[in-house]
Every structure is written in structure tokens, then in C-alpha cells.
Protein backbone atom coordinates (compact mmCIF):
# COMPACT_ATOMS: atom_id res chain seq x y z
CA MET A 1 32.44 240.70 -88.52
CA ARG A 2 33.93 241.76 -85.18
CA VAL A 3 31.60 242.16 -82.21
CA ARG A 4 32.90 244.29 -79.36
CA LYS A 5 31.14 243.52 -76.09
CA SER A 6 32.31 242.99 -72.52
CA LEU A 7 31.51 239.49 -71.30
CA GLY A 8 33.30 238.56 -68.09
CA ASN A 9 37.00 238.99 -68.83
CA VAL A 10 36.56 238.56 -72.60
CA ARG A 11 37.34 241.77 -74.42
CA PHE A 12 37.07 240.94 -78.16
CA LEU A 13 35.60 238.08 -80.14
CA ARG A 14 35.84 237.79 -83.93
CA CYS A 15 32.56 236.46 -85.34
CA GLY A 16 32.44 235.44 -88.98
CA PRO A 17 33.10 232.69 -91.53
CA VAL A 18 35.65 230.18 -90.27
CA ARG A 19 37.69 227.87 -92.51
CA SER A 20 38.31 224.26 -91.61
CA GLY A 21 41.12 224.03 -89.10
CA ALA A 22 40.90 227.74 -88.24
CA HIS A 23 41.27 229.13 -84.76
CA ILE A 24 39.03 231.07 -82.36
CA GLU A 25 40.89 234.05 -80.99
CA LEU A 26 40.00 235.46 -77.58
CA THR A 27 41.63 238.56 -76.19
CA THR A 28 41.31 238.75 -72.40
CA ASN A 29 42.02 241.17 -69.60
CA MET A 30 43.74 239.61 -66.62
CA ASP A 31 45.48 241.62 -63.89
CA ASP A 32 45.28 244.63 -66.18
CA ALA A 33 47.52 242.85 -68.68
CA MET A 34 46.46 241.76 -72.13
CA LYS A 35 46.87 238.12 -72.86
CA THR A 36 45.99 236.46 -76.16
CA MET A 37 44.87 232.85 -76.13
CA THR A 38 44.59 230.86 -79.33
CA THR A 39 42.68 227.60 -79.02
CA PRO A 40 42.82 225.12 -81.88
CA MET A 41 39.43 223.67 -82.74
CA ALA A 42 38.23 220.63 -84.65
CA PRO A 43 36.51 221.54 -87.96
CA HIS A 44 33.08 220.24 -86.98
CA ALA A 45 33.09 222.16 -83.63
CA THR A 46 34.52 225.44 -84.83
CA MET A 47 31.39 226.88 -86.47
CA THR A 48 29.08 225.67 -83.71
CA ILE A 49 31.02 227.35 -80.95
CA LEU A 50 31.49 230.54 -82.94
CA GLN A 51 27.79 230.72 -83.75
CA ALA A 52 26.84 230.16 -80.11
CA ALA A 53 29.29 232.77 -78.87
CA CYS A 54 28.19 235.34 -81.44
CA ALA A 55 24.51 234.68 -80.74
CA LEU A 56 25.11 235.15 -77.00
CA LEU A 57 26.96 238.40 -77.49
CA LEU A 58 24.46 239.79 -79.97
CA ALA A 59 21.57 238.91 -77.65
CA THR A 60 23.36 240.61 -74.78
CA MET A 61 23.83 243.70 -76.91
CA ALA A 62 20.15 243.70 -77.86
CA ASP A 63 19.15 243.54 -74.18
CA ALA A 64 21.45 246.43 -73.41
CA ALA A 65 19.59 248.52 -75.98
CA HIS A 66 16.43 248.27 -73.86
CA ALA A 67 15.96 250.12 -70.60
CA ASP A 68 13.12 250.31 -68.13
CA ALA A 69 10.58 253.10 -68.54
CA ARG A 70 8.31 254.98 -66.16
CA VAL A 71 5.09 256.50 -67.49
CA PHE A 72 3.61 259.45 -65.60
CA PHE A 73 -0.07 259.94 -66.37
CA THR A 74 -0.57 263.65 -65.71
CA GLN A 75 -3.95 264.86 -67.00
CA MET A 76 -7.17 263.89 -68.70
CA VAL A 77 -8.47 266.74 -70.85
CA VAL A 78 -12.21 266.74 -71.57
CA ASN A 79 -12.65 267.79 -75.20
CA ASP A 80 -16.41 267.27 -75.08
CA CYS A 81 -18.62 266.36 -72.12
CA ASN A 82 -21.70 265.98 -74.34
CA GLU A 83 -24.09 266.20 -71.39
CA ILE A 84 -26.52 268.94 -70.41
CA GLY A 85 -25.51 268.52 -66.77
CA THR A 86 -22.27 267.50 -65.13
CA CYS A 87 -20.04 264.72 -66.50
CA ASP A 88 -18.42 262.27 -64.11
CA TRP A 89 -15.54 260.19 -65.42
CA LYS A 90 -13.79 256.91 -64.74
CA LEU A 91 -10.34 256.30 -66.21
CA SER A 92 -8.09 253.24 -66.21
CA CYS A 93 -4.79 252.71 -68.02
CA GLY A 94 -2.15 250.03 -68.41
CA LEU A 95 1.13 249.17 -70.10
CA GLY A 96 1.70 246.29 -72.50
CA ASN A 97 -0.60 243.34 -71.97
CA GLN A 98 -1.05 243.97 -68.26
CA GLN A 99 -4.46 244.59 -66.70
CA GLU A 100 -5.42 248.25 -66.63
CA THR A 101 -5.26 250.11 -63.30
CA GLU A 102 -8.18 252.33 -62.33
CA PHE A 103 -6.88 255.85 -61.74
CA PHE A 104 -10.09 257.55 -60.65
CA SER A 105 -13.86 257.15 -60.56
CA MET A 106 -16.57 259.83 -60.37
CA ALA A 107 -14.16 262.66 -61.22
CA GLU A 108 -16.20 265.67 -62.32
CA ALA A 109 -15.17 267.70 -65.36
CA ASN A 110 -17.07 269.42 -68.15
CA THR A 111 -16.04 270.46 -71.66
CA ASN A 112 -12.60 272.18 -71.78
CA GLU A 113 -11.86 271.20 -68.19
CA THR A 114 -9.03 268.98 -67.01
CA VAL A 115 -8.81 266.24 -64.39
CA THR A 116 -5.46 265.83 -62.66
CA ILE A 117 -4.28 262.19 -62.64
CA ASN A 118 -0.76 262.15 -61.13
CA ARG A 119 -0.22 258.38 -61.27
CA ALA A 120 2.73 256.34 -62.53
CA LEU A 121 3.32 252.88 -64.02
CA THR A 122 6.65 251.26 -64.93
CA GLN A 123 7.57 248.67 -67.53
CA ARG A 124 10.65 246.57 -68.07
CA GLU A 125 12.35 246.94 -71.46
CA PHE A 126 11.77 250.06 -73.51
CA PRO A 127 11.38 250.83 -76.42
CA PRO A 128 8.76 250.05 -77.54
CA LEU A 129 5.99 250.68 -75.03
CA THR A 130 2.25 250.19 -75.53
CA VAL A 131 0.02 252.48 -73.46
CA SER A 132 -3.69 251.64 -73.31
CA CYS A 133 -6.56 253.43 -71.56
CA THR A 134 -10.31 253.09 -71.14
CA VAL A 135 -12.64 255.95 -70.19
CA MET A 136 -16.29 255.85 -69.11
CA GLU A 137 -18.82 258.58 -68.25
CA HIS A 138 -21.58 258.65 -65.63
CA ASP A 139 -24.25 261.34 -65.32
CA GLY A 140 -24.78 260.73 -61.58
CA GLY A 141 -28.56 260.42 -61.74
CA VAL A 142 -30.71 257.79 -60.09
CA GLY A 143 -30.52 254.58 -62.12
CA ALA A 144 -27.69 255.89 -64.29
CA GLU A 145 -24.97 253.52 -65.43
CA TRP A 146 -21.44 253.91 -66.69
CA GLU A 147 -21.37 254.63 -70.42
CA HIS A 148 -18.41 253.56 -72.53
CA VAL A 149 -16.71 256.58 -74.13
CA GLY A 150 -13.66 254.96 -75.62
CA ALA A 151 -10.72 252.59 -75.30
CA GLY A 152 -7.50 252.79 -77.23
CA SER A 153 -3.77 252.32 -77.24
CA VAL A 154 -0.66 253.91 -78.68
CA VAL A 155 2.81 252.45 -79.27
CA VAL A 156 5.51 254.77 -77.94
CA ARG A 157 9.16 254.57 -78.99
CA THR A 158 10.51 257.82 -77.56
CA THR A 159 10.66 259.49 -74.18
CA GLY A 160 8.88 262.77 -73.48
CA ASP A 161 5.26 263.92 -73.64
CA HIS A 162 2.58 261.94 -75.46
CA LEU A 163 -1.20 261.99 -75.99
CA LEU A 164 -3.90 259.33 -76.30
CA ARG A 165 -7.35 260.41 -77.49
CA LEU A 166 -10.40 258.35 -76.54
CA ASN A 167 -13.65 259.07 -78.37
CA GLN A 168 -14.97 255.95 -80.10
CA HIS A 169 -18.44 256.82 -78.80
CA ARG A 170 -18.56 260.56 -79.39
CA ASP A 171 -22.18 260.77 -78.28
CA GLU A 172 -20.91 259.93 -74.77
CA GLY A 173 -17.87 262.19 -74.74
CA ASP A 174 -14.35 262.86 -75.98
CA VAL A 175 -11.18 263.02 -73.86
CA THR A 176 -7.41 263.15 -74.27
CA VAL A 177 -5.02 261.49 -71.81
CA ARG A 178 -1.65 263.20 -71.36
CA PHE A 179 1.36 261.19 -70.20
CA THR A 180 5.14 261.48 -70.07
CA VAL A 181 7.59 258.63 -70.68
CA GLU A 182 10.91 258.61 -68.83
CA ASP A 183 13.86 256.25 -69.31
CA ILE A 184 14.87 255.01 -65.84
CA GLY A 185 17.66 252.61 -66.82
CA SER A 186 17.89 248.86 -66.45
CA THR A 187 16.53 248.09 -63.01
CA GLY A 188 15.44 244.57 -63.86
CA GLN A 189 12.06 245.17 -62.21
CA PRO A 190 8.90 243.75 -63.80
CA LEU A 191 5.86 245.80 -64.63
CA THR A 192 4.58 247.25 -61.36
CA ARG A 193 1.89 249.63 -60.21
CA ALA A 194 2.85 252.80 -58.39
CA ALA A 195 0.02 252.90 -55.89
CA ASP A 196 0.97 256.20 -54.33
CA ARG A 197 0.19 259.30 -56.30
CA MET A 198 3.09 261.55 -57.18
CA GLN A 199 3.60 264.35 -54.70
CA ARG A 200 3.86 267.74 -56.38
CA SER A 201 4.15 271.21 -54.99
CA THR A 202 1.86 273.99 -56.19
CA SER A 203 4.64 275.33 -58.39
CA GLN A 204 4.88 271.92 -60.08
CA ALA A 205 1.15 271.55 -60.74
CA PRO A 206 0.20 270.36 -64.24
CA ARG A 207 -0.34 273.06 -66.80
CA ASP A 208 -3.89 273.88 -67.78
CA ILE A 209 -4.69 273.56 -71.46
CA GLY A 210 -6.99 276.49 -72.03
CA GLY A 211 -9.49 275.25 -69.45
CA VAL A 212 -10.01 274.55 -65.78
CA VAL A 213 -8.03 271.96 -63.82
CA ARG A 214 -10.51 269.88 -61.84
CA ARG A 215 -9.81 267.53 -58.97
CA MET A 216 -12.35 265.14 -57.53
CA ARG A 217 -14.87 267.28 -55.68
CA ASP A 218 -16.86 266.40 -52.60
CA ARG A 219 -20.34 265.05 -53.14
CA THR A 220 -23.25 263.79 -51.08
CA ILE A 221 -24.30 260.18 -51.43
CA ARG A 222 -28.08 259.88 -51.19
CA SER A 223 -29.91 256.67 -50.31
CA GLY A 224 -32.99 255.32 -52.07
CA ALA A 225 -35.05 256.69 -49.18
CA GLY A 226 -33.59 260.17 -49.70
CA LYS A 227 -31.27 260.19 -46.68
CA CYS A 228 -27.59 261.10 -46.90
CA LEU A 229 -24.66 258.86 -46.08
CA ASP A 230 -23.32 260.34 -42.85
CA VAL A 231 -20.57 259.83 -40.27
CA HIS A 232 -21.56 260.21 -36.61
CA ALA A 233 -20.27 263.76 -36.08
CA PRO A 234 -18.35 263.31 -32.78
CA ASP A 235 -16.45 260.35 -34.27
CA GLN A 236 -15.81 261.55 -37.82
CA ARG A 237 -12.06 261.94 -37.22
CA ASN A 238 -11.70 258.69 -35.30
CA ASN A 239 -10.96 255.23 -36.63
CA GLY A 240 -14.13 253.20 -36.29
CA GLY A 241 -16.39 256.24 -36.63
CA HIS A 242 -19.98 255.05 -37.10
CA VAL A 243 -21.51 255.43 -40.58
CA GLN A 244 -25.26 255.94 -40.83
CA VAL A 245 -27.91 257.72 -42.90
CA TRP A 246 -29.27 261.09 -41.85
CA GLU A 247 -31.39 263.88 -43.19
CA CYS A 248 -29.28 265.77 -45.74
CA ASN A 249 -27.89 268.98 -44.23
CA GLY A 250 -24.72 269.83 -46.17
CA SER A 251 -22.43 269.18 -43.20
CA GLN A 252 -18.84 267.93 -43.45
CA GLN A 253 -19.85 264.50 -42.16
CA GLN A 254 -22.04 264.09 -45.25
CA SER A 255 -19.28 265.06 -47.68
CA TRP A 256 -17.65 262.27 -49.71
CA ARG A 257 -15.13 262.00 -52.53
CA PHE A 258 -14.43 259.07 -54.88
CA GLN A 259 -10.67 258.77 -55.31
CA ASP A 260 -8.42 255.94 -56.55
CA GLY A 261 -11.03 253.28 -55.88
CA ALA A 262 -11.76 254.52 -52.36
CA ILE A 263 -14.46 256.78 -50.88
CA LEU A 264 -13.05 259.53 -48.66
CA SER A 265 -15.04 261.35 -46.01
CA GLY A 266 -14.99 265.11 -45.48
CA ALA A 267 -12.61 264.50 -42.56
CA GLY A 268 -10.20 262.56 -44.78
CA LYS A 269 -11.01 259.06 -43.54
CA CYS A 270 -11.85 256.16 -45.86
CA LEU A 271 -15.18 254.36 -45.97
CA ASP A 272 -14.30 250.95 -44.56
CA VAL A 273 -15.93 247.57 -43.89
CA HIS A 274 -15.02 245.90 -40.59
CA ALA A 275 -12.29 243.60 -41.91
CA PRO A 276 -13.10 240.29 -40.15
CA ASP A 277 -16.69 240.47 -41.44
CA GLN A 278 -16.20 241.99 -44.88
CA ASN A 279 -17.49 238.85 -46.64
CA LYS A 280 -20.58 238.57 -44.42
CA ASN A 281 -24.06 240.06 -44.69
CA GLY A 282 -24.56 242.74 -42.07
CA ALA A 283 -20.89 243.68 -41.67
CA ARG A 284 -20.69 247.18 -40.25
CA VAL A 285 -19.43 250.09 -42.28
CA GLN A 286 -17.19 252.66 -40.60
CA VAL A 287 -14.47 255.20 -41.38
CA TRP A 288 -10.78 254.43 -40.93
CA ASP A 289 -7.36 255.76 -41.88
CA CYS A 290 -6.89 255.13 -45.60
CA ASN A 291 -4.61 252.16 -46.21
CA GLY A 292 -5.48 250.79 -49.66
CA SER A 293 -6.91 247.55 -48.27
CA LEU A 294 -9.67 245.47 -49.85
CA GLN A 295 -12.17 246.58 -47.22
CA GLN A 296 -11.67 250.19 -48.39
CA SER A 297 -12.18 249.42 -52.07
CA TRP A 298 -15.47 250.59 -53.62
CA SER A 299 -16.94 250.99 -57.09
CA MET A 300 -20.19 252.56 -58.25
CA GLN A 301 -22.00 250.32 -60.70
CA GLY A 302 -25.20 251.93 -61.90
CA ASP A 303 -27.05 252.91 -58.74
CA VAL A 304 -25.29 250.47 -56.42
CA ILE A 305 -22.00 250.86 -54.56
CA ARG A 306 -20.10 247.59 -54.41
CA SER A 307 -17.40 246.75 -51.85
CA GLY A 308 -14.06 245.13 -52.64
CA ALA A 309 -15.50 241.83 -51.38
CA GLY A 310 -18.42 242.14 -53.82
CA LEU A 311 -21.19 243.01 -51.37
CA CYS A 312 -23.41 246.07 -51.73
CA LEU A 313 -23.57 249.14 -49.53
CA ASP A 314 -26.89 248.76 -47.73
CA VAL A 315 -29.10 250.50 -45.16
CA HIS A 316 -30.70 248.27 -42.54
CA ALA A 317 -34.17 247.99 -44.09
CA PRO A 318 -36.37 248.74 -41.02
CA ASP A 319 -34.34 251.94 -40.38
CA GLN A 320 -33.87 253.27 -43.89
CA GLU A 321 -36.37 256.12 -43.39
CA ASN A 322 -34.94 257.09 -39.98
CA ASN A 323 -32.08 259.34 -38.96
CA GLY A 324 -29.32 257.11 -37.64
CA GLY A 325 -30.28 254.16 -39.86
CA ARG A 326 -27.43 251.63 -39.77
CA VAL A 327 -25.26 251.28 -42.87
CA GLN A 328 -23.84 247.86 -43.61
CA VAL A 329 -22.88 245.61 -46.53
CA TRP A 330 -25.18 242.89 -47.85
CA ALA A 331 -25.44 240.54 -50.80
CA CYS A 332 -26.60 242.63 -53.76
CA ASN A 333 -30.32 242.18 -54.35
CA GLY A 334 -31.51 245.30 -56.19
CA SER A 335 -33.57 246.52 -53.23
CA ARG A 336 -34.30 250.16 -52.44
CA GLN A 337 -31.96 250.13 -49.44
CA GLN A 338 -29.08 249.38 -51.80
CA THR A 339 -29.85 252.23 -54.19
CA TRP A 340 -27.62 255.31 -54.10
CA SER A 341 -27.14 258.46 -56.15
CA LEU A 342 -24.56 261.24 -56.14
CA GLN A 343 -25.62 264.84 -55.64
């Protein structure tokens, strides 16, 4: 068998059965001239060297057959909401055996509607590629918890558009995740997360599949005492803007959106814990330019909102019934001042 593969200045290597006393023939390229070298080998070393050389070349060829791949997660199509009211969704996906990345939380979409994802992950060496996703549904009511809809994976061996349907618990819902696989060549980069969402113009927006394309909509976040999470109006566009509770009034400073693990205000700032104190009870909560930091990471778990440091969003107890009640983080304790619902 003859294996043709470039390896340094070696051009051809004959790999195959070798008789005792045979020769290994290497054809090289030196100063653009072909030069043949014939090296006599001892019988006991001949096969060993040939086998090693052939194994190296064949392994190199196998590596060359794999390229890196980028997976663009474009849409989640809701086949069935299975709720009388509104369905809110949480989706996370991953590649291979890596931990799944949360793409969105509290994204609203009903039956035959579509949530835009626009996130990307990359993996070294393709094909094959295993794509896995988990989806959960939340009805947004007081005391509600995330319900498991489905988790699944698909092995992909070709580029182009693909689908992954998640509906193991049909009584909670049924969704399809759309994604596109692209060969990006051999970059040598390990599996990485693309934290920034893909930027697309209106003309490049994802196609609707017979329904409505939904993006995360603004909501109000209501405390256990019935007040709304609120940014002090004069400061709502400033870093460090004071966050409080106030009588619900539908204003921009009471408008919030869950997106990519953050909570965005109506003015486009991120709900933020004062960084030096983020692990301490009583740390103040404010708004700040979004930067993807731990102090801007939030997740809704049942009727509590937990910070990236694991503390709960909390209203200073003596002020929870009052306009201007201070909002802070505190060790989770199940109290009324740590209870929140989305409206």
C-alpha cells in the first residue's frame, strides 16, 4: 500500500509488507529538486519503523479529515404550549460532553409561535457532532416552578440545517430547536462559548414557520407585598441607579426583561449587585451597563430570584409595604420579602 501525505519534506512513503533485508524508500523535496534516499535496514528494525511511520501518516490523514464546526442556534418553535395562559420558556444547549449553556430564561411564546435564539457554539473536530438541549416551562404564577418539558440530543454528521425536538413530557409542552452547522476549518480551538449573540439585520431575521416570531418581552416583577421592582426614575439611565419597590404603575422604570441569564431594565441597563459586597447579606442592588459579570447573573427558581453569588433578591423587611423600599440580596430563607412573580 502506498500512502501519499506531506510530512515535512517527505513526499512519498511506501507502507506494506517488507521482506528481510528490504529497504525503506523515501522520496524527498529539497531545493525544488527530487532526491531519492535508500536506507538499508536490519531485518528486526525494518517492520517496526515502517509500522510506526505508516501509523503516524495514517493518523495525520485521519486528523485532516476532521474540521472545526460552528453551530448557530437560530429558533425554538413552540409546537404546543399546553397551558391555558402564557408559556414562559428556558432553553439551554451544548455540544459533545460539555456543560449546556443557558440561552434564555422567561421567554414568552405560545403554540405555533417562535422564540429567536441567535446564539453560537463551536466544537473542535467535526464530524461527528452531538448537539444536546434541555427545555423547561414556567407559567409565571405565584409559587410556580420550572417544569421539565424535555431533554434530548442528536448526532450530526453533515453541515446545514438541523432540528431537535424536545417533548418527553408532552403534558408540559412540545418544542423544536432549529440550528445550522457550519464547517469553519481546522482552527485548533477547543470547544468555546460564543457569549455575544449574532448580530443580524432585519433583512436577515430568521424565517417564521407558520407562526409568530417572539422575542423576550418586557414584564413587571412583583414582590410578595404586591409592589413592583422599580428603578429610581431620575437615575434609570445612570450606572448605579437605585433599585427599589414601588406601587405598580406601568412605567418604563418598572419594565424588565429576562435575557441570557441577565435581567434588563426598560432603559437597557442590567440588574446588578454592588460587586464588592455581592457575597454579603444586605448588598445593594442597582442598575449598571450590561457586562456579563457574575453580579449581573440571575435565575428565577420557583418564586425566588437568585443572584450569581447564590443570594436571593430581597426587599428590606420593614419597608416591603412602602414605596421606596430598599432592594438588596440576602441569604435565601423563603420569606415573603424574597417572593417574586412575573406579570
